[in-house]
Amino acid sequence: MKAYANGMKATSISRKQIGVIFGKAKRGKLKVQRFVMSDFYDIADFYNYDDNGNVERAEAQIRRILDEVFAGNDQKAQELIDSYTETLFNQLGVKAQQKANRNLVA
């Protein structure tokens, strides 16, 4: 994470990098649910306070996913995406879980 003098932080993940995951999901090489894809883009756009470190932890997980995607190891990337998906879904409240779009990107 990048830290700024005013206490704000930003992630070092770009929308282009997330776009690679999106592209693989559109081609059917990865299975990513829509609410997770939205979260990936939100993390890439993050510029705010991260007092509890949740965004920093999410960034680290996404970074591992990206490392596997760029290494061409789609199976390991899929395992990491599945783990991230379940963790993210379980962190949501009941109403947010009901509203989450669990359809696959395709």
N, C-alpha and C. Protein backbone atom coordinates (compact mmCIF):
# COMPACT_ATOMS: atom_id res chain seq x y z
N MET A 1 0.83 -1.18 0.00
CA MET A 1 0.00 0.00 0.00
C MET A 1 0.88 1.24 0.00
N LYS A 2 0.40 2.21 -0.68
CA LYS A 2 1.06 3.50 -0.68
C LYS A 2 0.46 4.34 0.44
N ALA A 3 1.31 4.96 1.25
CA ALA A 3 0.84 5.82 2.33
C ALA A 3 1.15 7.26 1.98
N TYR A 4 0.22 8.13 2.29
CA TYR A 4 0.37 9.55 2.00
C TYR A 4 0.47 10.32 3.32
N ALA A 5 1.00 11.54 3.25
CA ALA A 5 1.26 12.34 4.44
C ALA A 5 -0.01 12.65 5.24
N ASN A 6 -1.13 12.72 4.58
CA ASN A 6 -2.38 13.06 5.27
C ASN A 6 -3.04 11.84 5.93
N GLY A 7 -2.35 10.70 5.96
CA GLY A 7 -2.89 9.50 6.57
C GLY A 7 -3.68 8.62 5.61
N MET A 8 -3.91 9.12 4.42
CA MET A 8 -4.66 8.34 3.43
C MET A 8 -3.74 7.26 2.86
N LYS A 9 -4.37 6.21 2.35
CA LYS A 9 -3.63 5.13 1.72
C LYS A 9 -4.27 4.79 0.39
N ALA A 10 -3.47 4.20 -0.48
CA ALA A 10 -3.95 3.75 -1.79
C ALA A 10 -3.30 2.41 -2.10
N THR A 11 -4.02 1.58 -2.82
CA THR A 11 -3.46 0.29 -3.19
C THR A 11 -2.54 0.44 -4.40
N SER A 12 -1.68 -0.53 -4.58
CA SER A 12 -0.75 -0.48 -5.71
C SER A 12 -1.22 -1.39 -6.84
N ILE A 13 -2.47 -1.82 -6.78
CA ILE A 13 -3.05 -2.66 -7.83
C ILE A 13 -3.76 -1.74 -8.82
N SER A 14 -3.54 -1.97 -10.10
CA SER A 14 -4.18 -1.12 -11.11
C SER A 14 -5.44 -1.78 -11.68
N ARG A 15 -6.28 -0.96 -12.26
CA ARG A 15 -7.48 -1.47 -12.92
C ARG A 15 -7.10 -2.36 -14.11
N LYS A 16 -5.97 -2.07 -14.76
CA LYS A 16 -5.52 -2.91 -15.88
C LYS A 16 -5.19 -4.32 -15.41
N GLN A 17 -4.56 -4.43 -14.24
CA GLN A 17 -4.24 -5.74 -13.71
C GLN A 17 -5.53 -6.51 -13.39
N ILE A 18 -6.49 -5.85 -12.80
CA ILE A 18 -7.78 -6.48 -12.50
C ILE A 18 -8.46 -6.85 -13.81
N GLY A 19 -8.26 -6.04 -14.85
CA GLY A 19 -8.84 -6.32 -16.16
C GLY A 19 -8.35 -7.64 -16.74
N VAL A 20 -7.15 -8.07 -16.39
CA VAL A 20 -6.64 -9.36 -16.86
C VAL A 20 -7.47 -10.49 -16.25
N ILE A 21 -7.79 -10.37 -14.96
CA ILE A 21 -8.65 -11.36 -14.31
C ILE A 21 -10.02 -11.34 -14.97
N PHE A 22 -10.55 -10.15 -15.21
CA PHE A 22 -11.86 -10.01 -15.85
C PHE A 22 -11.86 -10.66 -17.23
N GLY A 23 -10.81 -10.43 -17.99
CA GLY A 23 -10.71 -11.02 -19.33
C GLY A 23 -10.69 -12.53 -19.29
N LYS A 24 -9.94 -13.10 -18.35
CA LYS A 24 -9.90 -14.56 -18.22
C LYS A 24 -11.26 -15.10 -17.78
N ALA A 25 -11.95 -14.34 -16.96
CA ALA A 25 -13.28 -14.77 -16.53
C ALA A 25 -14.27 -14.71 -17.70
N LYS A 26 -14.16 -13.69 -18.54
CA LYS A 26 -15.04 -13.58 -19.71
C LYS A 26 -14.79 -14.72 -20.70
N ARG A 27 -13.54 -15.16 -20.80
CA ARG A 27 -13.20 -16.25 -21.72
C ARG A 27 -13.45 -17.63 -21.10
N GLY A 28 -13.88 -17.66 -19.84
CA GLY A 28 -14.20 -18.92 -19.19
C GLY A 28 -13.02 -19.65 -18.58
N LYS A 29 -11.86 -19.00 -18.51
CA LYS A 29 -10.68 -19.65 -17.93
C LYS A 29 -10.68 -19.58 -16.41
N LEU A 30 -11.38 -18.58 -15.87
CA LEU A 30 -11.54 -18.43 -14.42
C LEU A 30 -13.01 -18.23 -14.12
N LYS A 31 -13.45 -18.71 -12.95
CA LYS A 31 -14.82 -18.50 -12.51
C LYS A 31 -14.80 -17.47 -11.38
N VAL A 32 -15.35 -16.29 -11.69
CA VAL A 32 -15.38 -15.20 -10.72
C VAL A 32 -16.81 -14.68 -10.63
N GLN A 33 -17.31 -14.59 -9.41
CA GLN A 33 -18.66 -14.06 -9.22
C GLN A 33 -18.64 -12.54 -9.38
N ARG A 34 -19.75 -12.00 -9.82
CA ARG A 34 -19.82 -10.57 -10.12
C ARG A 34 -19.54 -9.68 -8.92
N PHE A 35 -20.02 -10.04 -7.73
CA PHE A 35 -19.77 -9.20 -6.57
C PHE A 35 -18.29 -9.20 -6.18
N VAL A 36 -17.58 -10.29 -6.49
CA VAL A 36 -16.14 -10.35 -6.22
C VAL A 36 -15.39 -9.50 -7.22
N MET A 37 -15.80 -9.56 -8.48
CA MET A 37 -15.16 -8.74 -9.52
C MET A 37 -15.32 -7.26 -9.17
N SER A 38 -16.49 -6.89 -8.70
CA SER A 38 -16.74 -5.52 -8.29
C SER A 38 -15.82 -5.13 -7.13
N ASP A 39 -15.63 -6.05 -6.18
CA ASP A 39 -14.74 -5.79 -5.05
C ASP A 39 -13.30 -5.61 -5.52
N PHE A 40 -12.86 -6.44 -6.48
CA PHE A 40 -11.51 -6.30 -7.03
C PHE A 40 -11.29 -4.89 -7.58
N TYR A 41 -12.26 -4.41 -8.36
CA TYR A 41 -12.13 -3.07 -8.92
C TYR A 41 -12.18 -2.00 -7.82
N ASP A 42 -12.99 -2.20 -6.80
CA ASP A 42 -13.04 -1.25 -5.68
C ASP A 42 -11.69 -1.17 -4.98
N ILE A 43 -11.05 -2.31 -4.80
CA ILE A 43 -9.73 -2.33 -4.15
C ILE A 43 -8.71 -1.61 -5.03
N ALA A 44 -8.78 -1.80 -6.34
CA ALA A 44 -7.84 -1.12 -7.25
C ALA A 44 -8.04 0.39 -7.20
N ASP A 45 -9.27 0.85 -6.99
CA ASP A 45 -9.58 2.29 -6.95
C ASP A 45 -9.42 2.90 -5.57
N PHE A 46 -9.04 2.12 -4.57
CA PHE A 46 -9.05 2.57 -3.18
C PHE A 46 -8.09 3.73 -2.95
N TYR A 47 -8.61 4.80 -2.34
CA TYR A 47 -7.82 5.91 -1.83
C TYR A 47 -8.60 6.47 -0.66
N ASN A 48 -8.23 6.06 0.55
CA ASN A 48 -8.96 6.46 1.73
C ASN A 48 -8.15 6.04 2.95
N TYR A 49 -8.76 6.09 4.12
CA TYR A 49 -8.13 5.62 5.35
C TYR A 49 -8.37 4.11 5.47
N ASP A 50 -7.35 3.40 5.93
CA ASP A 50 -7.48 1.96 6.17
C ASP A 50 -7.02 1.68 7.59
N ASP A 51 -7.79 2.18 8.54
CA ASP A 51 -7.40 2.10 9.94
C ASP A 51 -7.35 0.67 10.47
N ASN A 52 -8.24 -0.20 10.01
CA ASN A 52 -8.27 -1.56 10.54
C ASN A 52 -7.47 -2.55 9.68
N GLY A 53 -6.93 -2.12 8.57
CA GLY A 53 -6.07 -2.96 7.74
C GLY A 53 -6.79 -3.94 6.83
N ASN A 54 -8.12 -3.84 6.73
CA ASN A 54 -8.87 -4.77 5.88
C ASN A 54 -8.48 -4.64 4.41
N VAL A 55 -8.32 -3.42 3.95
CA VAL A 55 -7.98 -3.21 2.54
C VAL A 55 -6.57 -3.72 2.26
N GLU A 56 -5.68 -3.52 3.20
CA GLU A 56 -4.30 -4.00 3.02
C GLU A 56 -4.26 -5.53 2.92
N ARG A 57 -5.07 -6.20 3.75
CA ARG A 57 -5.13 -7.67 3.67
C ARG A 57 -5.75 -8.12 2.35
N ALA A 58 -6.80 -7.44 1.91
CA ALA A 58 -7.43 -7.78 0.63
C ALA A 58 -6.45 -7.56 -0.52
N GLU A 59 -5.70 -6.46 -0.44
CA GLU A 59 -4.71 -6.19 -1.49
C GLU A 59 -3.68 -7.30 -1.57
N ALA A 60 -3.23 -7.81 -0.42
CA ALA A 60 -2.24 -8.89 -0.41
C ALA A 60 -2.81 -10.15 -1.04
N GLN A 61 -4.07 -10.45 -0.76
CA GLN A 61 -4.71 -11.64 -1.35
C GLN A 61 -4.85 -11.46 -2.86
N ILE A 62 -5.27 -10.30 -3.29
CA ILE A 62 -5.43 -10.05 -4.73
C ILE A 62 -4.07 -10.09 -5.42
N ARG A 63 -3.05 -9.60 -4.76
CA ARG A 63 -1.69 -9.64 -5.32
C ARG A 63 -1.27 -11.09 -5.57
N ARG A 64 -1.58 -12.00 -4.62
CA ARG A 64 -1.26 -13.43 -4.80
C ARG A 64 -2.04 -14.01 -5.98
N ILE A 65 -3.30 -13.63 -6.10
CA ILE A 65 -4.11 -14.09 -7.24
C ILE A 65 -3.47 -13.62 -8.54
N LEU A 66 -3.11 -12.34 -8.59
CA LEU A 66 -2.49 -11.78 -9.81
C LEU A 66 -1.17 -12.48 -10.14
N ASP A 67 -0.38 -12.79 -9.12
CA ASP A 67 0.89 -13.48 -9.35
C ASP A 67 0.65 -14.82 -10.05
N GLU A 68 -0.37 -15.55 -9.60
CA GLU A 68 -0.68 -16.84 -10.22
C GLU A 68 -1.25 -16.67 -11.62
N VAL A 69 -2.08 -15.65 -11.81
CA VAL A 69 -2.66 -15.39 -13.14
C VAL A 69 -1.55 -15.07 -14.13
N PHE A 70 -0.63 -14.18 -13.75
CA PHE A 70 0.45 -13.79 -14.65
C PHE A 70 1.47 -14.91 -14.87
N ALA A 71 1.54 -15.85 -13.92
CA ALA A 71 2.42 -17.00 -14.09
C ALA A 71 1.76 -18.08 -14.95
N GLY A 72 0.49 -17.88 -15.28
CA GLY A 72 -0.22 -18.84 -16.11
C GLY A 72 -0.77 -20.02 -15.34
N ASN A 73 -0.76 -19.92 -14.02
CA ASN A 73 -1.26 -21.02 -13.18
C ASN A 73 -2.72 -20.74 -12.82
N ASP A 74 -3.61 -21.00 -13.76
CA ASP A 74 -5.03 -20.69 -13.58
C ASP A 74 -5.68 -21.54 -12.48
N GLN A 75 -5.23 -22.76 -12.32
CA GLN A 75 -5.82 -23.64 -11.30
C GLN A 75 -5.56 -23.07 -9.90
N LYS A 76 -4.33 -22.67 -9.62
CA LYS A 76 -3.99 -22.09 -8.31
C LYS A 76 -4.70 -20.75 -8.13
N ALA A 77 -4.78 -19.96 -9.21
CA ALA A 77 -5.48 -18.68 -9.14
C ALA A 77 -6.95 -18.91 -8.81
N GLN A 78 -7.55 -19.95 -9.40
CA GLN A 78 -8.96 -20.26 -9.12
C GLN A 78 -9.16 -20.65 -7.66
N GLU A 79 -8.23 -21.41 -7.12
CA GLU A 79 -8.31 -21.79 -5.69
C GLU A 79 -8.26 -20.55 -4.81
N LEU A 80 -7.37 -19.62 -5.13
CA LEU A 80 -7.25 -18.39 -4.35
C LEU A 80 -8.50 -17.51 -4.50
N ILE A 81 -9.05 -17.47 -5.70
CA ILE A 81 -10.28 -16.69 -5.93
C ILE A 81 -11.43 -17.29 -5.14
N ASP A 82 -11.54 -18.61 -5.13
CA ASP A 82 -12.60 -19.28 -4.38
C ASP A 82 -12.49 -18.99 -2.89
N SER A 83 -11.28 -19.01 -2.37
CA SER A 83 -11.04 -18.72 -0.97
C SER A 83 -11.41 -17.26 -0.65
N TYR A 84 -10.99 -16.36 -1.53
CA TYR A 84 -11.29 -14.93 -1.36
C TYR A 84 -12.81 -14.71 -1.40
N THR A 85 -13.49 -15.40 -2.30
CA THR A 85 -14.94 -15.26 -2.45
C THR A 85 -15.66 -15.66 -1.18
N GLU A 86 -15.32 -16.81 -0.63
CA GLU A 86 -15.99 -17.27 0.59
C GLU A 86 -15.70 -16.35 1.77
N THR A 87 -14.46 -15.90 1.90
CA THR A 87 -14.12 -14.97 2.98
C THR A 87 -14.91 -13.68 2.85
N LEU A 88 -14.93 -13.13 1.64
CA LEU A 88 -15.64 -11.87 1.41
C LEU A 88 -17.13 -12.04 1.67
N PHE A 89 -17.73 -13.12 1.18
CA PHE A 89 -19.17 -13.34 1.36
C PHE A 89 -19.51 -13.49 2.83
N ASN A 90 -18.68 -14.19 3.59
CA ASN A 90 -18.94 -14.38 5.02
C ASN A 90 -18.78 -13.10 5.83
N GLN A 91 -18.03 -12.13 5.32
CA GLN A 91 -17.85 -10.85 6.01
C GLN A 91 -19.04 -9.92 5.80
N LEU A 92 -19.84 -10.21 4.79
CA LEU A 92 -20.99 -9.36 4.50
C LEU A 92 -22.10 -9.60 5.51
N GLY A 93 -22.90 -8.56 5.74
CA GLY A 93 -24.07 -8.71 6.58
C GLY A 93 -25.15 -9.49 5.83
N VAL A 94 -26.21 -9.83 6.53
CA VAL A 94 -27.28 -10.65 5.95
C VAL A 94 -27.90 -9.95 4.74
N LYS A 95 -28.21 -8.67 4.88
CA LYS A 95 -28.83 -7.94 3.76
C LYS A 95 -27.88 -7.85 2.57
N ALA A 96 -26.61 -7.60 2.84
CA ALA A 96 -25.63 -7.51 1.76
C ALA A 96 -25.44 -8.87 1.09
N GLN A 97 -25.51 -9.94 1.85
CA GLN A 97 -25.41 -11.28 1.27
C GLN A 97 -26.59 -11.54 0.33
N GLN A 98 -27.76 -11.09 0.72
CA GLN A 98 -28.94 -11.29 -0.11
C GLN A 98 -28.86 -10.48 -1.40
N LYS A 99 -28.21 -9.32 -1.33
CA LYS A 99 -28.10 -8.45 -2.51
C LYS A 99 -26.91 -8.79 -3.39
N ALA A 100 -25.96 -9.58 -2.87
CA ALA A 100 -24.74 -9.90 -3.62
C ALA A 100 -25.08 -10.66 -4.90
N ASN A 101 -24.52 -10.19 -6.01
CA ASN A 101 -24.73 -10.85 -7.30
C ASN A 101 -23.75 -11.99 -7.43
N ARG A 102 -24.22 -13.22 -7.18
CA ARG A 102 -23.34 -14.38 -7.19
C ARG A 102 -23.27 -15.04 -8.56
N ASN A 103 -23.80 -14.37 -9.58
CA ASN A 103 -23.67 -14.89 -10.95
C ASN A 103 -22.22 -14.79 -11.38
N LEU A 104 -21.81 -15.68 -12.24
CA LEU A 104 -20.44 -15.67 -12.74
C LEU A 104 -20.28 -14.63 -13.82
N VAL A 105 -19.09 -14.07 -13.91
CA VAL A 105 -18.74 -13.17 -15.00
C VAL A 105 -18.57 -14.05 -16.24
N ALA A 106 -19.33 -13.78 -17.28
CA ALA A 106 -19.19 -14.57 -18.51
C ALA A 106 -20.00 -13.97 -19.61
